[in-house]
């Protein structure tokens, strides 16, 4: 006797359907992982480019601030040196004047 009646073929179809669904789900999962990975890699590149641009701007600003700070320090140093020279000159003049006055009193 043949047991391949209408009831038996339905079970085979259902098993094939389940296997197909599982294979499709596995393939979709793999493809989604690749797409997600590509998306993450793209976003990481964008973030890296943004960070590089930001650090470039910060470097330019830091260089500008350094130059301005150096200029301020150089000007201050120049002013202090001029004041010290003026003070030394005045002290020398006063010492010479006091020395002359002392000599005139002694004579």
Foldseek 3Di string as FASTA:
>chain_A
DDPPDPVVVVVVVVVVVVVVVVVVVVVVVVVVVVVVVVVVVVVVVVVVVVVVVVVVVVVVVVVVVVVVVVVVVVVVVVVVVVVVVVVVVVVVVVVVVVVVVVVVVVD
